Amino acid sequence: MTIARSGAAAALLAVACVVWSAVPLSGAGGAGPVVLAVAAACAALGTVRLTLGRSAAEPAGPLDPAGQLGRGLADLVRTVPWAEGMVVAVLVLEALHHSRPWHTGLLGGAMLAYLLAVHLAESRSRLAVLRPQAPLIAAGLGLLVLAVGTAALPAGTGSAAGLLAVLAALAAVVVGGLALPR
């Protein structure tokens, strides 16, 4: 994946995550639109950060006041972790309304894809750099599916819930084992 494609993928995933977490916005009260605006701003500024790159080239000569202001704003955009701010705002948006487990599960998968795309765009790396982490990413997605399945069970299911709890505990141990350095 080229740098431009990973940046475009990150921007599209950011929009998808913000929109998905905001639907439905009703019932969120007065905080909903504010958090939605914060999430949208973080998504937009995160995309600007990806297009600006890591550092600016040194100017050939002294800058005029407008140039200094522009350089200062660009440096500010480069230093603030907009992707992490968007993730927090999206999680708050999701928590503000009642949603079904599959809705939250899809949002979790989309946020993981967004963070991976941002990482690839910021590091200017190809997708192959994630190959060593593939088992851990797959295990994390498996735990996400297991959590969605467990949350989707109706209350009082008895043995099915107990079986899923045991399965989740075993899966968490396996994922923990995968995460340990070798």
N, C-alpha and C. Protein backbone atom coordinates (compact mmCIF):
# COMPACT_ATOMS: atom_id res chain seq x y z
N MET A 1 0.86 -1.17 0.00
CA MET A 1 0.00 0.00 0.00
C MET A 1 0.90 1.23 0.00
N THR A 2 0.65 2.12 -0.93
CA THR A 2 1.47 3.32 -1.00
C THR A 2 1.10 4.27 0.13
N ILE A 3 1.92 5.29 0.29
CA ILE A 3 1.71 6.26 1.36
C ILE A 3 0.40 7.01 1.16
N ALA A 4 0.14 7.43 -0.07
CA ALA A 4 -1.10 8.16 -0.36
C ALA A 4 -2.32 7.27 -0.14
N ARG A 5 -2.21 6.01 -0.54
CA ARG A 5 -3.36 5.10 -0.37
C ARG A 5 -3.62 4.81 1.10
N SER A 6 -2.57 4.66 1.91
CA SER A 6 -2.80 4.40 3.33
C SER A 6 -3.35 5.64 4.02
N GLY A 7 -2.93 6.82 3.60
CA GLY A 7 -3.50 8.05 4.14
C GLY A 7 -4.95 8.22 3.75
N ALA A 8 -5.28 7.89 2.50
CA ALA A 8 -6.68 7.96 2.04
C ALA A 8 -7.53 6.93 2.77
N ALA A 9 -6.98 5.75 2.97
CA ALA A 9 -7.71 4.72 3.72
C ALA A 9 -7.97 5.18 5.15
N ALA A 10 -6.98 5.80 5.76
CA ALA A 10 -7.16 6.30 7.13
C ALA A 10 -8.23 7.38 7.17
N ALA A 11 -8.25 8.27 6.18
CA ALA A 11 -9.26 9.34 6.15
C ALA A 11 -10.66 8.75 5.98
N LEU A 12 -10.81 7.80 5.08
CA LEU A 12 -12.12 7.18 4.87
C LEU A 12 -12.57 6.41 6.10
N LEU A 13 -11.65 5.71 6.74
CA LEU A 13 -12.01 4.98 7.96
C LEU A 13 -12.35 5.93 9.10
N ALA A 14 -11.70 7.07 9.16
CA ALA A 14 -12.02 8.06 10.19
C ALA A 14 -13.44 8.57 10.01
N VAL A 15 -13.81 8.89 8.78
CA VAL A 15 -15.18 9.35 8.50
C VAL A 15 -16.18 8.25 8.84
N ALA A 16 -15.87 7.02 8.45
CA ALA A 16 -16.79 5.91 8.72
C ALA A 16 -16.97 5.70 10.23
N CYS A 17 -15.88 5.77 10.98
CA CYS A 17 -15.98 5.58 12.44
C CYS A 17 -16.79 6.68 13.10
N VAL A 18 -16.58 7.92 12.69
CA VAL A 18 -17.32 9.04 13.29
C VAL A 18 -18.81 8.92 12.97
N VAL A 19 -19.12 8.65 11.72
CA VAL A 19 -20.53 8.54 11.32
C VAL A 19 -21.18 7.34 11.99
N TRP A 20 -20.50 6.21 12.01
CA TRP A 20 -21.06 4.98 12.58
C TRP A 20 -21.32 5.15 14.08
N SER A 21 -20.42 5.82 14.78
CA SER A 21 -20.60 5.97 16.22
C SER A 21 -21.67 7.01 16.55
N ALA A 22 -21.93 7.92 15.64
CA ALA A 22 -22.92 8.97 15.89
C ALA A 22 -24.34 8.51 15.60
N VAL A 23 -24.52 7.44 14.84
CA VAL A 23 -25.86 6.98 14.47
C VAL A 23 -26.36 6.03 15.53
N PRO A 24 -27.51 6.18 16.11
CA PRO A 24 -28.36 7.37 16.04
C PRO A 24 -27.91 8.38 17.09
N LEU A 25 -27.93 9.65 16.74
CA LEU A 25 -27.50 10.71 17.64
C LEU A 25 -28.60 11.09 18.63
N SER A 26 -29.83 10.69 18.35
CA SER A 26 -30.93 11.02 19.26
C SER A 26 -30.72 10.33 20.60
N GLY A 27 -31.16 10.98 21.63
CA GLY A 27 -31.03 10.42 22.97
C GLY A 27 -29.68 10.71 23.61
N ALA A 28 -28.79 11.39 22.89
CA ALA A 28 -27.47 11.68 23.44
C ALA A 28 -27.48 12.95 24.29
N GLY A 29 -28.56 13.68 24.25
CA GLY A 29 -28.63 14.91 25.04
C GLY A 29 -27.79 16.01 24.43
N GLY A 30 -27.43 16.99 25.24
CA GLY A 30 -26.66 18.13 24.77
C GLY A 30 -25.22 17.81 24.47
N ALA A 31 -24.71 16.72 25.05
CA ALA A 31 -23.30 16.38 24.84
C ALA A 31 -23.05 15.75 23.48
N GLY A 32 -24.06 15.14 22.88
CA GLY A 32 -23.89 14.44 21.62
C GLY A 32 -23.33 15.29 20.50
N PRO A 33 -23.96 16.42 20.18
CA PRO A 33 -23.42 17.25 19.10
C PRO A 33 -22.02 17.80 19.39
N VAL A 34 -21.74 18.09 20.64
CA VAL A 34 -20.41 18.59 21.00
C VAL A 34 -19.36 17.51 20.77
N VAL A 35 -19.64 16.31 21.24
CA VAL A 35 -18.68 15.21 21.07
C VAL A 35 -18.54 14.86 19.59
N LEU A 36 -19.65 14.93 18.85
CA LEU A 36 -19.59 14.68 17.40
C LEU A 36 -18.69 15.72 16.73
N ALA A 37 -18.80 16.97 17.12
CA ALA A 37 -17.95 18.02 16.55
C ALA A 37 -16.48 17.78 16.89
N VAL A 38 -16.21 17.35 18.12
CA VAL A 38 -14.83 17.05 18.53
C VAL A 38 -14.28 15.88 17.71
N ALA A 39 -15.10 14.83 17.55
CA ALA A 39 -14.66 13.66 16.78
C ALA A 39 -14.39 14.03 15.34
N ALA A 40 -15.27 14.84 14.74
CA ALA A 40 -15.08 15.26 13.35
C ALA A 40 -13.83 16.14 13.21
N ALA A 41 -13.62 17.03 14.17
CA ALA A 41 -12.43 17.89 14.12
C ALA A 41 -11.16 17.06 14.26
N CYS A 42 -11.16 16.12 15.17
CA CYS A 42 -9.98 15.25 15.34
C CYS A 42 -9.73 14.43 14.08
N ALA A 43 -10.80 13.93 13.45
CA ALA A 43 -10.63 13.16 12.21
C ALA A 43 -10.05 14.04 11.10
N ALA A 44 -10.57 15.25 10.97
CA ALA A 44 -10.08 16.16 9.93
C ALA A 44 -8.63 16.57 10.18
N LEU A 45 -8.33 16.94 11.43
CA LEU A 45 -6.96 17.36 11.74
C LEU A 45 -5.98 16.18 11.68
N GLY A 46 -6.46 14.98 11.99
CA GLY A 46 -5.61 13.80 11.83
C GLY A 46 -5.26 13.55 10.38
N THR A 47 -6.23 13.79 9.49
CA THR A 47 -5.97 13.65 8.06
C THR A 47 -4.98 14.71 7.59
N VAL A 48 -5.15 15.93 8.09
CA VAL A 48 -4.19 17.00 7.75
C VAL A 48 -2.80 16.64 8.24
N ARG A 49 -2.73 16.06 9.43
CA ARG A 49 -1.43 15.65 9.98
C ARG A 49 -0.75 14.62 9.08
N LEU A 50 -1.54 13.69 8.55
CA LEU A 50 -0.96 12.68 7.67
C LEU A 50 -0.45 13.30 6.37
N THR A 51 -1.16 14.32 5.86
CA THR A 51 -0.72 14.94 4.62
C THR A 51 0.49 15.85 4.82
N LEU A 52 0.61 16.43 6.03
CA LEU A 52 1.76 17.30 6.31
C LEU A 52 3.06 16.52 6.45
N GLY A 53 2.97 15.31 6.92
CA GLY A 53 4.19 14.53 7.14
C GLY A 53 4.74 14.75 8.54
N ARG A 54 5.89 14.17 8.79
CA ARG A 54 6.48 14.22 10.13
C ARG A 54 7.13 15.55 10.48
N SER A 55 7.86 16.12 9.55
CA SER A 55 8.57 17.36 9.87
C SER A 55 8.59 18.25 8.64
N ALA A 56 8.74 19.53 8.88
CA ALA A 56 8.78 20.51 7.80
C ALA A 56 10.21 20.77 7.38
N ALA A 57 10.37 21.16 6.13
CA ALA A 57 11.70 21.54 5.64
C ALA A 57 12.04 22.92 6.18
N GLU A 58 13.28 23.13 6.44
CA GLU A 58 13.72 24.43 6.94
C GLU A 58 13.59 25.47 5.83
N PRO A 59 13.07 26.66 6.16
CA PRO A 59 12.96 27.69 5.13
C PRO A 59 14.33 28.23 4.74
N ALA A 60 14.41 28.73 3.52
CA ALA A 60 15.68 29.24 3.03
C ALA A 60 16.09 30.53 3.75
N GLY A 61 15.12 31.34 4.11
CA GLY A 61 15.43 32.59 4.78
C GLY A 61 14.45 32.83 5.91
N PRO A 62 14.52 34.03 6.50
CA PRO A 62 13.60 34.34 7.59
C PRO A 62 12.16 34.43 7.06
N LEU A 63 11.23 34.02 7.91
CA LEU A 63 9.82 34.04 7.55
C LEU A 63 9.16 35.33 8.00
N ASP A 64 8.19 35.77 7.22
CA ASP A 64 7.38 36.91 7.63
C ASP A 64 6.41 36.44 8.72
N PRO A 65 5.70 37.34 9.39
CA PRO A 65 4.79 36.93 10.49
C PRO A 65 3.73 35.92 10.05
N ALA A 66 3.20 36.06 8.85
CA ALA A 66 2.20 35.10 8.37
C ALA A 66 2.83 33.72 8.17
N GLY A 67 4.04 33.70 7.66
CA GLY A 67 4.74 32.43 7.49
C GLY A 67 5.07 31.76 8.81
N GLN A 68 5.45 32.60 9.79
CA GLN A 68 5.73 32.05 11.12
C GLN A 68 4.47 31.48 11.76
N LEU A 69 3.34 32.17 11.57
CA LEU A 69 2.07 31.68 12.11
C LEU A 69 1.67 30.37 11.44
N GLY A 70 1.83 30.32 10.12
CA GLY A 70 1.53 29.09 9.40
C GLY A 70 2.41 27.93 9.83
N ARG A 71 3.68 28.22 10.02
CA ARG A 71 4.62 27.18 10.46
C ARG A 71 4.27 26.70 11.88
N GLY A 72 3.90 27.67 12.74
CA GLY A 72 3.51 27.29 14.10
C GLY A 72 2.26 26.44 14.12
N LEU A 73 1.27 26.79 13.28
CA LEU A 73 0.05 25.99 13.21
C LEU A 73 0.33 24.59 12.66
N ALA A 74 1.18 24.51 11.65
CA ALA A 74 1.55 23.20 11.09
C ALA A 74 2.27 22.35 12.13
N ASP A 75 3.15 22.97 12.91
CA ASP A 75 3.84 22.24 13.97
C ASP A 75 2.87 21.77 15.04
N LEU A 76 1.87 22.59 15.35
CA LEU A 76 0.85 22.19 16.32
C LEU A 76 0.06 21.00 15.82
N VAL A 77 -0.31 21.04 14.54
CA VAL A 77 -1.06 19.92 13.96
C VAL A 77 -0.21 18.65 13.98
N ARG A 78 1.09 18.79 13.76
CA ARG A 78 1.97 17.62 13.76
C ARG A 78 2.17 17.02 15.16
N THR A 79 2.09 17.83 16.21
CA THR A 79 2.44 17.33 17.54
C THR A 79 1.27 16.74 18.32
N VAL A 80 0.05 17.16 18.04
CA VAL A 80 -1.11 16.66 18.80
C VAL A 80 -1.52 15.30 18.25
N PRO A 81 -1.77 14.31 19.12
CA PRO A 81 -2.19 12.98 18.66
C PRO A 81 -3.67 12.96 18.29
N TRP A 82 -4.01 13.42 17.09
CA TRP A 82 -5.40 13.54 16.67
C TRP A 82 -6.09 12.19 16.54
N ALA A 83 -5.37 11.17 16.11
CA ALA A 83 -5.99 9.85 15.93
C ALA A 83 -6.49 9.31 17.28
N GLU A 84 -5.69 9.45 18.30
CA GLU A 84 -6.09 8.96 19.61
C GLU A 84 -7.27 9.78 20.16
N GLY A 85 -7.26 11.08 19.92
CA GLY A 85 -8.38 11.92 20.33
C GLY A 85 -9.66 11.53 19.62
N MET A 86 -9.56 11.19 18.32
CA MET A 86 -10.74 10.75 17.60
C MET A 86 -11.28 9.44 18.15
N VAL A 87 -10.39 8.52 18.48
CA VAL A 87 -10.83 7.24 19.03
C VAL A 87 -11.57 7.44 20.35
N VAL A 88 -11.05 8.30 21.22
CA VAL A 88 -11.72 8.58 22.49
C VAL A 88 -13.09 9.22 22.24
N ALA A 89 -13.15 10.19 21.34
CA ALA A 89 -14.42 10.85 21.05
C ALA A 89 -15.43 9.88 20.44
N VAL A 90 -14.97 8.99 19.57
CA VAL A 90 -15.85 8.00 18.96
C VAL A 90 -16.38 7.04 20.03
N LEU A 91 -15.53 6.63 20.96
CA LEU A 91 -15.99 5.75 22.03
C LEU A 91 -17.02 6.45 22.92
N VAL A 92 -16.81 7.73 23.19
CA VAL A 92 -17.80 8.49 23.97
C VAL A 92 -19.11 8.59 23.21
N LEU A 93 -19.03 8.86 21.90
CA LEU A 93 -20.25 8.92 21.09
C LEU A 93 -21.00 7.59 21.13
N GLU A 94 -20.28 6.51 21.04
CA GLU A 94 -20.91 5.18 21.07
C GLU A 94 -21.55 4.91 22.42
N ALA A 95 -20.93 5.40 23.48
CA ALA A 95 -21.46 5.17 24.82
C ALA A 95 -22.67 6.06 25.12
N LEU A 96 -22.85 7.13 24.37
CA LEU A 96 -23.95 8.05 24.65
C LEU A 96 -25.31 7.52 24.23
N HIS A 97 -25.33 6.52 23.37
CA HIS A 97 -26.62 5.98 22.95
C HIS A 97 -26.63 4.47 23.08
N HIS A 98 -27.83 3.94 23.18
CA HIS A 98 -27.97 2.48 23.28
C HIS A 98 -27.78 1.88 21.90
N SER A 99 -26.87 0.95 21.78
CA SER A 99 -26.66 0.29 20.50
C SER A 99 -26.53 -1.21 20.73
N ARG A 100 -26.77 -1.93 19.70
CA ARG A 100 -26.68 -3.39 19.77
C ARG A 100 -25.21 -3.81 19.77
N PRO A 101 -24.93 -5.00 20.28
CA PRO A 101 -23.52 -5.45 20.34
C PRO A 101 -22.84 -5.50 18.98
N TRP A 102 -23.53 -5.92 17.94
CA TRP A 102 -22.90 -6.00 16.63
C TRP A 102 -22.50 -4.62 16.12
N HIS A 103 -23.28 -3.59 16.48
CA HIS A 103 -22.97 -2.21 16.09
C HIS A 103 -21.64 -1.79 16.70
N THR A 104 -21.48 -2.05 17.99
CA THR A 104 -20.25 -1.71 18.68
C THR A 104 -19.09 -2.57 18.20
N GLY A 105 -19.36 -3.84 17.90
CA GLY A 105 -18.31 -4.72 17.39
C GLY A 105 -17.77 -4.27 16.04
N LEU A 106 -18.67 -3.86 15.14
CA LEU A 106 -18.20 -3.35 13.85
C LEU A 106 -17.40 -2.07 14.02
N LEU A 107 -17.84 -1.23 14.96
CA LEU A 107 -17.08 -0.01 15.23
C LEU A 107 -15.69 -0.35 15.76
N GLY A 108 -15.58 -1.34 16.62
CA GLY A 108 -14.27 -1.76 17.13
C GLY A 108 -13.36 -2.24 16.02
N GLY A 109 -13.89 -3.02 15.09
CA GLY A 109 -13.09 -3.47 13.95
C GLY A 109 -12.66 -2.32 13.06
N ALA A 110 -13.57 -1.37 12.83
CA ALA A 110 -13.24 -0.21 12.00
C ALA A 110 -12.19 0.67 12.66
N MET A 111 -12.28 0.81 14.00
CA MET A 111 -11.27 1.63 14.69
C MET A 111 -9.90 0.97 14.66
N LEU A 112 -9.88 -0.36 14.77
CA LEU A 112 -8.60 -1.07 14.65
C LEU A 112 -8.01 -0.85 13.27
N ALA A 113 -8.83 -0.98 12.22
CA ALA A 113 -8.36 -0.75 10.86
C ALA A 113 -7.87 0.70 10.69
N TYR A 114 -8.59 1.65 11.30
CA TYR A 114 -8.19 3.06 11.22
C TYR A 114 -6.82 3.28 11.87
N LEU A 115 -6.63 2.74 13.06
CA LEU A 115 -5.36 2.93 13.76
C LEU A 115 -4.20 2.27 13.01
N LEU A 116 -4.45 1.12 12.41
CA LEU A 116 -3.41 0.47 11.61
C LEU A 116 -3.09 1.29 10.37
N ALA A 117 -4.12 1.85 9.71
CA ALA A 117 -3.89 2.68 8.53
C ALA A 117 -3.12 3.95 8.89
N VAL A 118 -3.46 4.55 10.04
CA VAL A 118 -2.73 5.74 10.49
C VAL A 118 -1.27 5.38 10.76
N HIS A 119 -1.05 4.25 11.41
CA HIS A 119 0.33 3.82 11.70
C HIS A 119 1.11 3.64 10.40
N LEU A 120 0.51 2.97 9.43
CA LEU A 120 1.20 2.76 8.16
C LEU A 120 1.48 4.07 7.44
N ALA A 121 0.52 5.00 7.49
CA ALA A 121 0.73 6.28 6.81
C ALA A 121 1.78 7.12 7.53
N GLU A 122 1.75 7.15 8.86
CA GLU A 122 2.72 7.95 9.61
C GLU A 122 4.13 7.39 9.50
N SER A 123 4.25 6.08 9.51
CA SER A 123 5.58 5.47 9.46
C SER A 123 6.07 5.30 8.03
N ARG A 124 5.22 5.62 7.06
CA ARG A 124 5.58 5.47 5.64
C ARG A 124 6.00 4.04 5.34
N SER A 125 5.28 3.09 5.95
CA SER A 125 5.60 1.67 5.79
C SER A 125 4.59 0.98 4.89
N ARG A 126 4.97 -0.17 4.44
CA ARG A 126 4.06 -1.01 3.65
C ARG A 126 3.30 -1.93 4.61
N LEU A 127 2.24 -2.52 4.09
CA LEU A 127 1.40 -3.41 4.87
C LEU A 127 2.18 -4.61 5.40
N ALA A 128 3.22 -5.01 4.70
CA ALA A 128 4.01 -6.18 5.10
C ALA A 128 4.68 -6.00 6.46
N VAL A 129 4.83 -4.74 6.92
CA VAL A 129 5.46 -4.50 8.22
C VAL A 129 4.60 -5.07 9.36
N LEU A 130 3.31 -5.25 9.11
CA LEU A 130 2.42 -5.79 10.14
C LEU A 130 2.38 -7.32 10.17
N ARG A 131 3.08 -7.96 9.26
CA ARG A 131 3.05 -9.42 9.19
C ARG A 131 3.43 -10.11 10.50
N PRO A 132 4.46 -9.64 11.23
CA PRO A 132 4.78 -10.30 12.50
C PRO A 132 3.67 -10.16 13.55
N GLN A 133 2.86 -9.12 13.43
CA GLN A 133 1.78 -8.91 14.39
C GLN A 133 0.47 -9.55 13.95
N ALA A 134 0.44 -10.20 12.80
CA ALA A 134 -0.80 -10.77 12.27
C ALA A 134 -1.47 -11.75 13.23
N PRO A 135 -0.74 -12.66 13.88
CA PRO A 135 -1.43 -13.55 14.82
C PRO A 135 -2.08 -12.81 15.99
N LEU A 136 -1.42 -11.79 16.48
CA LEU A 136 -1.97 -11.01 17.59
C LEU A 136 -3.18 -10.20 17.14
N ILE A 137 -3.13 -9.63 15.94
CA ILE A 137 -4.27 -8.89 15.42
C ILE A 137 -5.45 -9.83 15.20
N ALA A 138 -5.19 -11.00 14.65
CA ALA A 138 -6.26 -11.98 14.44
C ALA A 138 -6.85 -12.44 15.77
N ALA A 139 -6.01 -12.64 16.76
CA ALA A 139 -6.50 -13.05 18.08
C ALA A 139 -7.34 -11.94 18.71
N GLY A 140 -6.91 -10.70 18.55
CA GLY A 140 -7.69 -9.58 19.07
C GLY A 140 -9.04 -9.47 18.40
N LEU A 141 -9.07 -9.68 17.08
CA LEU A 141 -10.36 -9.67 16.37
C LEU A 141 -11.23 -10.83 16.81
N GLY A 142 -10.61 -11.97 17.08
CA GLY A 142 -11.37 -13.11 17.60
C GLY A 142 -11.98 -12.80 18.96
N LEU A 143 -11.22 -12.14 19.81
CA LEU A 143 -11.77 -11.73 21.11
C LEU A 143 -12.89 -10.72 20.94
N LEU A 144 -12.77 -9.86 19.96
CA LEU A 144 -13.84 -8.90 19.69
C LEU A 144 -15.12 -9.63 19.27
N VAL A 145 -15.00 -10.60 18.39
CA VAL A 145 -16.16 -11.39 17.97
C VAL A 145 -16.74 -12.14 19.15
N LEU A 146 -15.90 -12.70 19.99
CA LEU A 146 -16.36 -13.42 21.17
C LEU A 146 -17.08 -12.49 22.14
N ALA A 147 -16.57 -11.29 22.32
CA ALA A 147 -17.22 -10.33 23.20
C ALA A 147 -18.58 -9.90 22.65
N VAL A 148 -18.66 -9.70 21.33
CA VAL A 148 -19.94 -9.33 20.72
C VAL A 148 -20.94 -10.47 20.88
N GLY A 149 -20.48 -11.70 20.68
CA GLY A 149 -21.37 -12.86 20.85
C GLY A 149 -21.86 -12.99 22.28
N THR A 150 -20.99 -12.76 23.21
CA THR A 150 -21.37 -12.85 24.62
C THR A 150 -22.36 -11.74 24.98
N ALA A 151 -22.13 -10.55 24.51
CA ALA A 151 -23.03 -9.43 24.80
C ALA A 151 -24.38 -9.60 24.13
N ALA A 152 -24.42 -10.32 23.01
CA ALA A 152 -25.67 -10.51 22.29
C ALA A 152 -26.57 -11.55 22.94
N LEU A 153 -26.00 -12.37 23.83
CA LEU A 153 -26.83 -13.39 24.49
C LEU A 153 -27.84 -12.73 25.41
N PRO A 154 -29.06 -13.21 25.39
CA PRO A 154 -30.04 -12.65 26.33
C PRO A 154 -29.69 -13.02 27.77
N ALA A 155 -30.13 -12.18 28.69
CA ALA A 155 -29.85 -12.43 30.11
C ALA A 155 -30.51 -13.73 30.54
N GLY A 156 -29.83 -14.45 31.42
CA GLY A 156 -30.38 -15.69 31.97
C GLY A 156 -30.25 -16.88 31.06
N THR A 157 -29.23 -16.93 30.20
CA THR A 157 -29.07 -18.07 29.29
C THR A 157 -28.34 -19.23 29.96
N GLY A 158 -27.86 -19.06 31.13
CA GLY A 158 -27.30 -20.17 31.91
C GLY A 158 -26.05 -20.77 31.33
N SER A 159 -26.16 -22.03 30.86
CA SER A 159 -24.98 -22.79 30.47
C SER A 159 -24.28 -22.21 29.24
N ALA A 160 -25.01 -21.60 28.32
CA ALA A 160 -24.38 -21.00 27.15
C ALA A 160 -23.48 -19.83 27.57
N ALA A 161 -23.97 -19.03 28.50
CA ALA A 161 -23.17 -17.90 28.98
C ALA A 161 -21.94 -18.40 29.74
N GLY A 162 -22.10 -19.46 30.52
CA GLY A 162 -20.97 -20.04 31.25
C GLY A 162 -19.93 -20.60 30.30
N LEU A 163 -20.37 -21.28 29.25
CA LEU A 163 -19.45 -21.84 28.26
C LEU A 163 -18.69 -20.72 27.54
N LEU A 164 -19.40 -19.67 27.18
CA LEU A 164 -18.73 -18.55 26.53
C LEU A 164 -17.75 -17.85 27.47
N ALA A 165 -18.07 -17.79 28.75
CA ALA A 165 -17.16 -17.17 29.72
C ALA A 165 -15.87 -17.98 29.82
N VAL A 166 -15.99 -19.31 29.86
CA VAL A 166 -14.80 -20.17 29.90
C VAL A 166 -14.00 -20.02 28.61
N LEU A 167 -14.70 -20.01 27.47
CA LEU A 167 -14.03 -19.85 26.18
C LEU A 167 -13.32 -18.51 26.09
N ALA A 168 -13.95 -17.45 26.60
CA ALA A 168 -13.33 -16.13 26.58
C ALA A 168 -12.09 -16.10 27.47
N ALA A 169 -12.15 -16.74 28.62
CA ALA A 169 -10.98 -16.79 29.51
C ALA A 169 -9.82 -17.54 28.85
N LEU A 170 -10.11 -18.66 28.20
CA LEU A 170 -9.06 -19.40 27.51
C LEU A 170 -8.49 -18.59 26.35
N ALA A 171 -9.37 -17.92 25.61
CA ALA A 171 -8.89 -17.11 24.48
C ALA A 171 -8.03 -15.96 24.98
N ALA A 172 -8.40 -15.35 26.10
CA ALA A 172 -7.60 -14.25 26.65
C ALA A 172 -6.22 -14.74 27.07
N VAL A 173 -6.14 -15.94 27.61
CA VAL A 173 -4.84 -16.50 27.99
C VAL A 173 -3.99 -16.74 26.75
N VAL A 174 -4.60 -17.26 25.68
CA VAL A 174 -3.86 -17.50 24.43
C VAL A 174 -3.37 -16.18 23.84
N VAL A 175 -4.22 -15.16 23.83
CA VAL A 175 -3.81 -13.86 23.29
C VAL A 175 -2.71 -13.25 24.16
N GLY A 176 -2.82 -13.40 25.47
CA GLY A 176 -1.75 -12.93 26.35
C GLY A 176 -0.44 -13.63 26.07
N GLY A 177 -0.49 -14.93 25.79
CA GLY A 177 0.70 -15.67 25.44
C GLY A 177 1.30 -15.20 24.11
N LEU A 178 0.44 -14.85 23.16
CA LEU A 178 0.93 -14.33 21.89
C LEU A 178 1.59 -12.96 22.04
N ALA A 179 1.08 -12.17 22.99
CA ALA A 179 1.58 -10.81 23.17
C ALA A 179 2.92 -10.77 23.90
N LEU A 180 3.26 -11.81 24.62
CA LEU A 180 4.53 -11.82 25.37
C LEU A 180 5.71 -11.85 24.41
N PRO A 181 6.73 -11.08 24.70
CA PRO A 181 7.92 -11.10 23.82
C PRO A 181 8.62 -12.45 23.96
N ARG A 182 9.22 -12.85 22.86
CA ARG A 182 9.90 -14.16 22.85
C ARG A 182 11.38 -14.01 23.00
